[in-house]
Amino acid sequence: PKEYKYVVSKATKKQFNTLKKLMNDKDVDTVVNACDAGREGEAIFRLVYNEAHCKKNMKRLWISSMEDSAIKDGFDNLKEGK
């Protein structure tokens, strides 16, 4: 189709509304995409970001380990969301 139409399911509507509220909060200036680095994680994040009508600056967390030091290093070196 030329245009996809998305509907938030009843089962996840509360969770989506929480994310939408946080992403669009006036005190938030940057949203961090910390989803799985694969295509699915990226697609899910961008779908939620777009459906929430978020226009905030986006950064990407790239890590290859779940160890505390790797996570801290990843947050210290966030990549541009584009």
PDB file of N, CA and C in Angstrom:
ATOM      1  N   PRO A   1       0.827  -1.200   0.000  1.00  0.00           N
ATOM      2  CA  PRO A   1       0.000   0.000   0.000  1.00  0.00           C
ATOM      3  C   PRO A   1       0.870   1.264   0.000  1.00  0.00           C
ATOM      4  N   LYS A   2       0.302   2.346  -0.491  1.00  0.00           N
ATOM      5  CA  LYS A   2       1.032   3.614  -0.498  1.00  0.00           C
ATOM      6  C   LYS A   2       1.202   4.163   0.912  1.00  0.00           C
ATOM      7  N   GLU A   3       0.227   3.891   1.755  1.00  0.00           N
ATOM      8  CA  GLU A   3       0.274   4.393   3.127  1.00  0.00           C
ATOM      9  C   GLU A   3      -0.188   3.293   4.082  1.00  0.00           C
ATOM     10  N   TYR A   4       0.613   3.064   5.124  1.00  0.00           N
ATOM     11  CA  TYR A   4       0.234   2.098   6.148  1.00  0.00           C
ATOM     12  C   TYR A   4      -0.511   2.825   7.260  1.00  0.00           C
ATOM     13  N   LYS A   5      -1.550   2.200   7.770  1.00  0.00           N
ATOM     14  CA  LYS A   5      -2.298   2.769   8.888  1.00  0.00           C
ATOM     15  C   LYS A   5      -2.080   1.862  10.093  1.00  0.00           C
ATOM     16  N   TYR A   6      -1.635   2.456  11.177  1.00  0.00           N
ATOM     17  CA  TYR A   6      -1.341   1.700  12.377  1.00  0.00           C
ATOM     18  C   TYR A   6      -2.368   2.002  13.459  1.00  0.00           C
ATOM     19  N   VAL A   7      -2.660   0.988  14.262  1.00  0.00           N
ATOM     20  CA  VAL A   7      -3.563   1.134  15.393  1.00  0.00           C
ATOM     21  C   VAL A   7      -2.877   0.490  16.590  1.00  0.00           C
ATOM     22  N   VAL A   8      -2.843   1.200  17.699  1.00  0.00           N
ATOM     23  CA  VAL A   8      -2.268   0.643  18.921  1.00  0.00           C
ATOM     24  C   VAL A   8      -3.272  -0.343  19.490  1.00  0.00           C
ATOM     25  N   SER A   9      -2.811  -1.559  19.765  1.00  0.00           N
ATOM     26  CA  SER A   9      -3.723  -2.579  20.279  1.00  0.00           C
ATOM     27  C   SER A   9      -4.168  -2.243  21.702  1.00  0.00           C
ATOM     28  N   LYS A  10      -5.313  -2.762  22.080  1.00  0.00           N
ATOM     29  CA  LYS A  10      -5.835  -2.535  23.428  1.00  0.00           C
ATOM     30  C   LYS A  10      -4.862  -3.045  24.485  1.00  0.00           C
ATOM     31  N   ALA A  11      -4.180  -4.141  24.175  1.00  0.00           N
ATOM     32  CA  ALA A  11      -3.271  -4.770  25.138  1.00  0.00           C
ATOM     33  C   ALA A  11      -2.049  -3.901  25.443  1.00  0.00           C
ATOM     34  N   THR A  12      -1.653  -3.023  24.512  1.00  0.00           N
ATOM     35  CA  THR A  12      -0.448  -2.214  24.712  1.00  0.00           C
ATOM     36  C   THR A  12      -0.733  -0.706  24.759  1.00  0.00           C
ATOM     37  N   LYS A  13      -1.998  -0.334  24.715  1.00  0.00           N
ATOM     38  CA  LYS A  13      -2.358   1.091  24.663  1.00  0.00           C
ATOM     39  C   LYS A  13      -1.854   1.868  25.881  1.00  0.00           C
ATOM     40  N   LYS A  14      -1.977   1.317  27.069  1.00  0.00           N
ATOM     41  CA  LYS A  14      -1.528   1.998  28.278  1.00  0.00           C
ATOM     42  C   LYS A  14      -0.020   2.232  28.230  1.00  0.00           C
ATOM     43  N   GLN A  15       0.720   1.202  27.830  1.00  0.00           N
ATOM     44  CA  GLN A  15       2.179   1.312  27.731  1.00  0.00           C
ATOM     45  C   GLN A  15       2.573   2.338  26.664  1.00  0.00           C
ATOM     46  N   PHE A  16       1.896   2.311  25.509  1.00  0.00           N
ATOM     47  CA  PHE A  16       2.185   3.267  24.446  1.00  0.00           C
ATOM     48  C   PHE A  16       1.910   4.694  24.925  1.00  0.00           C
ATOM     49  N   ASN A  17       0.784   4.911  25.592  1.00  0.00           N
ATOM     50  CA  ASN A  17       0.444   6.245  26.067  1.00  0.00           C
ATOM     51  C   ASN A  17       1.468   6.773  27.071  1.00  0.00           C
ATOM     52  N   THR A  18       2.027   5.883  27.895  1.00  0.00           N
ATOM     53  CA  THR A  18       3.082   6.276  28.832  1.00  0.00           C
ATOM     54  C   THR A  18       4.320   6.729  28.066  1.00  0.00           C
ATOM     55  N   LEU A  19       4.722   5.952  27.063  1.00  0.00           N
ATOM     56  CA  LEU A  19       5.877   6.328  26.243  1.00  0.00           C
ATOM     57  C   LEU A  19       5.627   7.640  25.505  1.00  0.00           C
ATOM     58  N   LYS A  20       4.452   7.791  24.950  1.00  0.00           N
ATOM     59  CA  LYS A  20       4.111   9.001  24.213  1.00  0.00           C
ATOM     60  C   LYS A  20       4.201  10.227  25.127  1.00  0.00           C
ATOM     61  N   LYS A  21       3.658  10.096  26.333  1.00  0.00           N
ATOM     62  CA  LYS A  21       3.694  11.204  27.288  1.00  0.00           C
ATOM     63  C   LYS A  21       5.139  11.553  27.647  1.00  0.00           C
ATOM     64  N   LEU A  22       5.954  10.558  27.906  1.00  0.00           N
ATOM     65  CA  LEU A  22       7.355  10.801  28.257  1.00  0.00           C
ATOM     66  C   LEU A  22       8.138  11.395  27.085  1.00  0.00           C
ATOM     67  N   MET A  23       7.927  10.858  25.895  1.00  0.00           N
ATOM     68  CA  MET A  23       8.662  11.339  24.720  1.00  0.00           C
ATOM     69  C   MET A  23       8.330  12.786  24.384  1.00  0.00           C
ATOM     70  N   ASN A  24       7.123  13.217  24.686  1.00  0.00           N
ATOM     71  CA  ASN A  24       6.690  14.568  24.342  1.00  0.00           C
ATOM     72  C   ASN A  24       6.698  15.530  25.521  1.00  0.00           C
ATOM     73  N   ASP A  25       7.196  15.079  26.660  1.00  0.00           N
ATOM     74  CA  ASP A  25       7.268  15.932  27.847  1.00  0.00           C
ATOM     75  C   ASP A  25       8.157  17.145  27.565  1.00  0.00           C
ATOM     76  N   LYS A  26       7.737  18.322  27.999  1.00  0.00           N
ATOM     77  CA  LYS A  26       8.487  19.554  27.731  1.00  0.00           C
ATOM     78  C   LYS A  26       9.872  19.544  28.386  1.00  0.00           C
ATOM     79  N   ASP A  27      10.050  18.749  29.436  1.00  0.00           N
ATOM     80  CA  ASP A  27      11.348  18.672  30.111  1.00  0.00           C
ATOM     81  C   ASP A  27      12.321  17.713  29.429  1.00  0.00           C
ATOM     82  N   VAL A  28      11.859  16.979  28.437  1.00  0.00           N
ATOM     83  CA  VAL A  28      12.704  16.032  27.696  1.00  0.00           C
ATOM     84  C   VAL A  28      13.162  16.699  26.413  1.00  0.00           C
ATOM     85  N   ASP A  29      14.494  16.724  26.197  1.00  0.00           N
ATOM     86  CA  ASP A  29      14.986  17.326  24.960  1.00  0.00           C
ATOM     87  C   ASP A  29      15.592  16.303  24.008  1.00  0.00           C
ATOM     88  N   THR A  30      15.906  15.116  24.517  1.00  0.00           N
ATOM     89  CA  THR A  30      16.504  14.070  23.690  1.00  0.00           C
ATOM     90  C   THR A  30      15.911  12.719  24.065  1.00  0.00           C
ATOM     91  N   VAL A  31      15.632  11.913  23.051  1.00  0.00           N
ATOM     92  CA  VAL A  31      15.123  10.552  23.256  1.00  0.00           C
ATOM     93  C   VAL A  31      16.224   9.589  22.823  1.00  0.00           C
ATOM     94  N   VAL A  32      16.505   8.593  23.666  1.00  0.00           N
ATOM     95  CA  VAL A  32      17.552   7.625  23.357  1.00  0.00           C
ATOM     96  C   VAL A  32      16.924   6.325  22.878  1.00  0.00           C
ATOM     97  N   ASN A  33      17.331   5.893  21.689  1.00  0.00           N
ATOM     98  CA  ASN A  33      16.915   4.612  21.140  1.00  0.00           C
ATOM     99  C   ASN A  33      17.876   3.562  21.690  1.00  0.00           C
ATOM    100  N   ALA A  34      17.412   2.787  22.647  1.00  0.00           N
ATOM    101  CA  ALA A  34      18.231   1.742  23.256  1.00  0.00           C
ATOM    102  C   ALA A  34      17.683   0.353  22.909  1.00  0.00           C
ATOM    103  N   CYS A  35      16.932   0.276  21.805  1.00  0.00           N
ATOM    104  CA  CYS A  35      16.383  -1.002  21.350  1.00  0.00           C
ATOM    105  C   CYS A  35      17.486  -1.882  20.762  1.00  0.00           C
ATOM    106  N   ASP A  36      17.148  -3.121  20.532  1.00  0.00           N
ATOM    107  CA  ASP A  36      18.060  -4.040  19.877  1.00  0.00           C
ATOM    108  C   ASP A  36      18.551  -3.410  18.575  1.00  0.00           C
ATOM    109  N   ALA A  37      19.838  -3.570  18.280  1.00  0.00           N
ATOM    110  CA  ALA A  37      20.445  -2.919  17.113  1.00  0.00           C
ATOM    111  C   ALA A  37      20.038  -3.538  15.780  1.00  0.00           C
ATOM    112  N   GLY A  38      19.353  -4.643  15.800  1.00  0.00           N
ATOM    113  CA  GLY A  38      18.916  -5.271  14.551  1.00  0.00           C
ATOM    114  C   GLY A  38      17.787  -4.495  13.893  1.00  0.00           C
ATOM    115  N   ARG A  39      17.408  -4.930  12.717  1.00  0.00           N
ATOM    116  CA  ARG A  39      16.361  -4.230  11.966  1.00  0.00           C
ATOM    117  C   ARG A  39      15.035  -4.174  12.713  1.00  0.00           C
ATOM    118  N   GLU A  40      14.684  -5.264  13.405  1.00  0.00           N
ATOM    119  CA  GLU A  40      13.404  -5.290  14.122  1.00  0.00           C
ATOM    120  C   GLU A  40      13.361  -4.252  15.237  1.00  0.00           C
ATOM    121  N   GLY A  41      14.412  -4.199  16.059  1.00  0.00           N
ATOM    122  CA  GLY A  41      14.456  -3.239  17.154  1.00  0.00           C
ATOM    123  C   GLY A  41      14.407  -1.811  16.643  1.00  0.00           C
ATOM    124  N   GLU A  42      15.156  -1.552  15.598  1.00  0.00           N
ATOM    125  CA  GLU A  42      15.178  -0.217  14.999  1.00  0.00           C
ATOM    126  C   GLU A  42      13.797   0.148  14.446  1.00  0.00           C
ATOM    127  N   ALA A  43      13.163  -0.785  13.761  1.00  0.00           N
ATOM    128  CA  ALA A  43      11.843  -0.537  13.176  1.00  0.00           C
ATOM    129  C   ALA A  43      10.794  -0.286  14.260  1.00  0.00           C
ATOM    130  N   ILE A  44      10.841  -1.053  15.330  1.00  0.00           N
ATOM    131  CA  ILE A  44       9.882  -0.878  16.421  1.00  0.00           C
ATOM    132  C   ILE A  44      10.063   0.490  17.066  1.00  0.00           C
ATOM    133  N   PHE A  45      11.314   0.866  17.352  1.00  0.00           N
ATOM    134  CA  PHE A  45      11.553   2.175  17.964  1.00  0.00           C
ATOM    135  C   PHE A  45      11.029   3.293  17.074  1.00  0.00           C
ATOM    136  N   ARG A  46      11.368   3.256  15.805  1.00  0.00           N
ATOM    137  CA  ARG A  46      10.972   4.340  14.902  1.00  0.00           C
ATOM    138  C   ARG A  46       9.453   4.389  14.705  1.00  0.00           C
ATOM    139  N   LEU A  47       8.806   3.241  14.725  1.00  0.00           N
ATOM    140  CA  LEU A  47       7.353   3.218  14.626  1.00  0.00           C
ATOM    141  C   LEU A  47       6.732   3.907  15.848  1.00  0.00           C
ATOM    142  N   VAL A  48       7.199   3.559  17.040  1.00  0.00           N
ATOM    143  CA  VAL A  48       6.676   4.180  18.266  1.00  0.00           C
ATOM    144  C   VAL A  48       6.990   5.670  18.263  1.00  0.00           C
ATOM    145  N   TYR A  49       8.215   6.049  17.912  1.00  0.00           N
ATOM    146  CA  TYR A  49       8.635   7.452  17.854  1.00  0.00           C
ATOM    147  C   TYR A  49       7.723   8.241  16.912  1.00  0.00           C
ATOM    148  N   ASN A  50       7.479   7.697  15.728  1.00  0.00           N
ATOM    149  CA  ASN A  50       6.636   8.385  14.751  1.00  0.00           C
ATOM    150  C   ASN A  50       5.169   8.412  15.160  1.00  0.00           C
ATOM    151  N   GLU A  51       4.656   7.301  15.674  1.00  0.00           N
ATOM    152  CA  GLU A  51       3.252   7.246  16.089  1.00  0.00           C
ATOM    153  C   GLU A  51       2.988   8.149  17.298  1.00  0.00           C
ATOM    154  N   ALA A  52       4.022   8.411  18.095  1.00  0.00           N
ATOM    155  CA  ALA A  52       3.895   9.316  19.238  1.00  0.00           C
ATOM    156  C   ALA A  52       4.041  10.774  18.792  1.00  0.00           C
ATOM    157  N   HIS A  53       4.263  10.972  17.504  1.00  0.00           N
ATOM    158  CA  HIS A  53       4.450  12.315  16.933  1.00  0.00           C
ATOM    159  C   HIS A  53       5.578  13.056  17.640  1.00  0.00           C
ATOM    160  N   CYS A  54       6.617  12.308  17.982  1.00  0.00           N
ATOM    161  CA  CYS A  54       7.764  12.886  18.668  1.00  0.00           C
ATOM    162  C   CYS A  54       8.664  13.591  17.650  1.00  0.00           C
ATOM    163  N   LYS A  55       9.105  14.785  18.003  1.00  0.00           N
ATOM    164  CA  LYS A  55       9.991  15.571  17.138  1.00  0.00           C
ATOM    165  C   LYS A  55      11.301  15.893  17.852  1.00  0.00           C
ATOM    166  N   LYS A  56      11.523  15.246  18.984  1.00  0.00           N
ATOM    167  CA  LYS A  56      12.710  15.526  19.789  1.00  0.00           C
ATOM    168  C   LYS A  56      13.964  14.965  19.113  1.00  0.00           C
ATOM    169  N   ASN A  57      15.106  15.518  19.517  1.00  0.00           N
ATOM    170  CA  ASN A  57      16.390  14.999  19.069  1.00  0.00           C
ATOM    171  C   ASN A  57      16.488  13.522  19.466  1.00  0.00           C
ATOM    172  N   MET A  58      17.014  12.711  18.575  1.00  0.00           N
ATOM    173  CA  MET A  58      17.128  11.279  18.831  1.00  0.00           C
ATOM    174  C   MET A  58      18.594  10.865  18.826  1.00  0.00           C
ATOM    175  N   LYS A  59      18.985  10.100  19.826  1.00  0.00           N
ATOM    176  CA  LYS A  59      20.331   9.526  19.911  1.00  0.00           C
ATOM    177  C   LYS A  59      20.197   8.008  19.904  1.00  0.00           C
ATOM    178  N   ARG A  60      21.286   7.323  19.542  1.00  0.00           N
ATOM    179  CA  ARG A  60      21.288   5.854  19.447  1.00  0.00           C
ATOM    180  C   ARG A  60      22.322   5.281  20.383  1.00  0.00           C
ATOM    181  N   LEU A  61      21.911   4.333  21.210  1.00  0.00           N
ATOM    182  CA  LEU A  61      22.816   3.608  22.092  1.00  0.00           C
ATOM    183  C   LEU A  61      23.295   2.363  21.360  1.00  0.00           C
ATOM    184  N   TRP A  62      24.590   2.274  21.120  1.00  0.00           N
ATOM    185  CA  TRP A  62      25.176   1.103  20.463  1.00  0.00           C
ATOM    186  C   TRP A  62      26.079   0.397  21.468  1.00  0.00           C
ATOM    187  N   ILE A  63      25.677  -0.796  21.888  1.00  0.00           N
ATOM    188  CA  ILE A  63      26.508  -1.594  22.798  1.00  0.00           C
ATOM    189  C   ILE A  63      26.528  -3.031  22.303  1.00  0.00           C
ATOM    190  N   SER A  64      27.606  -3.724  22.648  1.00  0.00           N
ATOM    191  CA  SER A  64      27.695  -5.134  22.254  1.00  0.00           C
ATOM    192  C   SER A  64      27.823  -6.033  23.475  1.00  0.00           C
ATOM    193  N   SER A  65      27.667  -5.452  24.653  1.00  0.00           N
ATOM    194  CA  SER A  65      27.768  -6.208  25.892  1.00  0.00           C
ATOM    195  C   SER A  65      26.786  -5.619  26.893  1.00  0.00           C
ATOM    196  N   MET A  66      26.278  -6.449  27.776  1.00  0.00           N
ATOM    197  CA  MET A  66      25.359  -5.993  28.812  1.00  0.00           C
ATOM    198  C   MET A  66      26.080  -5.749  30.141  1.00  0.00           C
ATOM    199  N   GLU A  67      27.404  -5.725  30.120  1.00  0.00           N
ATOM    200  CA  GLU A  67      28.164  -5.440  31.343  1.00  0.00           C
ATOM    201  C   GLU A  67      28.043  -3.962  31.668  1.00  0.00           C
ATOM    202  N   ASP A  68      28.052  -3.643  32.956  1.00  0.00           N
ATOM    203  CA  ASP A  68      27.877  -2.260  33.402  1.00  0.00           C
ATOM    204  C   ASP A  68      28.838  -1.299  32.710  1.00  0.00           C
ATOM    205  N   SER A  69      30.096  -1.698  32.580  1.00  0.00           N
ATOM    206  CA  SER A  69      31.097  -0.812  31.972  1.00  0.00           C
ATOM    207  C   SER A  69      30.777  -0.538  30.501  1.00  0.00           C
ATOM    208  N   ALA A  70      30.298  -1.530  29.779  1.00  0.00           N
ATOM    209  CA  ALA A  70      29.952  -1.355  28.359  1.00  0.00           C
ATOM    210  C   ALA A  70      28.728  -0.456  28.215  1.00  0.00           C
ATOM    211  N   ILE A  71      27.757  -0.619  29.095  1.00  0.00           N
ATOM    212  CA  ILE A  71      26.551   0.217  29.049  1.00  0.00           C
ATOM    213  C   ILE A  71      26.918   1.668  29.358  1.00  0.00           C
ATOM    214  N   LYS A  72      27.750   1.886  30.389  1.00  0.00           N
ATOM    215  CA  LYS A  72      28.187   3.242  30.723  1.00  0.00           C
ATOM    216  C   LYS A  72      28.954   3.851  29.556  1.00  0.00           C
ATOM    217  N   ASP A  73      29.845   3.096  28.963  1.00  0.00           N
ATOM    218  CA  ASP A  73      30.613   3.587  27.809  1.00  0.00           C
ATOM    219  C   ASP A  73      29.672   3.939  26.655  1.00  0.00           C
ATOM    220  N   GLY A  74      28.655   3.117  26.429  1.00  0.00           N
ATOM    221  CA  GLY A  74      27.687   3.382  25.367  1.00  0.00           C
ATOM    222  C   GLY A  74      26.936   4.685  25.594  1.00  0.00           C
ATOM    223  N   PHE A  75      26.503   4.936  26.830  1.00  0.00           N
ATOM    224  CA  PHE A  75      25.800   6.184  27.128  1.00  0.00           C
ATOM    225  C   PHE A  75      26.736   7.393  27.048  1.00  0.00           C
ATOM    226  N   ASP A  76      28.012   7.169  27.350  1.00  0.00           N
ATOM    227  CA  ASP A  76      28.990   8.259  27.228  1.00  0.00           C
ATOM    228  C   ASP A  76      29.297   8.585  25.767  1.00  0.00           C
ATOM    229  N   ASN A  77      28.970   7.674  24.857  1.00  0.00           N
ATOM    230  CA  ASN A  77      29.294   7.845  23.440  1.00  0.00           C
ATOM    231  C   ASN A  77      28.068   7.615  22.550  1.00  0.00           C
ATOM    232  N   LEU A  78      26.940   8.233  22.889  1.00  0.00           N
ATOM    233  CA  LEU A  78      25.727   8.075  22.090  1.00  0.00           C
ATOM    234  C   LEU A  78      25.956   8.573  20.665  1.00  0.00           C
ATOM    235  N   LYS A  79      25.347   7.886  19.709  1.00  0.00           N
ATOM    236  CA  LYS A  79      25.464   8.239  18.293  1.00  0.00           C
ATOM    237  C   LYS A  79      24.238   9.048  17.870  1.00  0.00           C
ATOM    238  N   GLU A  80      24.375   9.807  16.809  1.00  0.00           N
ATOM    239  CA  GLU A  80      23.241  10.545  16.271  1.00  0.00           C
ATOM    240  C   GLU A  80      22.183   9.550  15.775  1.00  0.00           C
ATOM    241  N   GLY A  81      20.931   9.872  15.969  1.00  0.00           N
ATOM    242  CA  GLY A  81      19.836   8.976  15.626  1.00  0.00           C
ATOM    243  C   GLY A  81      19.609   8.752  14.149  1.00  0.00           C
ATOM    244  N   LYS A  82      20.126   9.650  13.316  1.00  0.00           N
ATOM    245  CA  LYS A  82      19.919   9.477  11.885  1.00  0.00           C
ATOM    246  C   LYS A  82      20.748   8.352  11.375  1.00  0.00           C
TER     247      LYS A  82
END
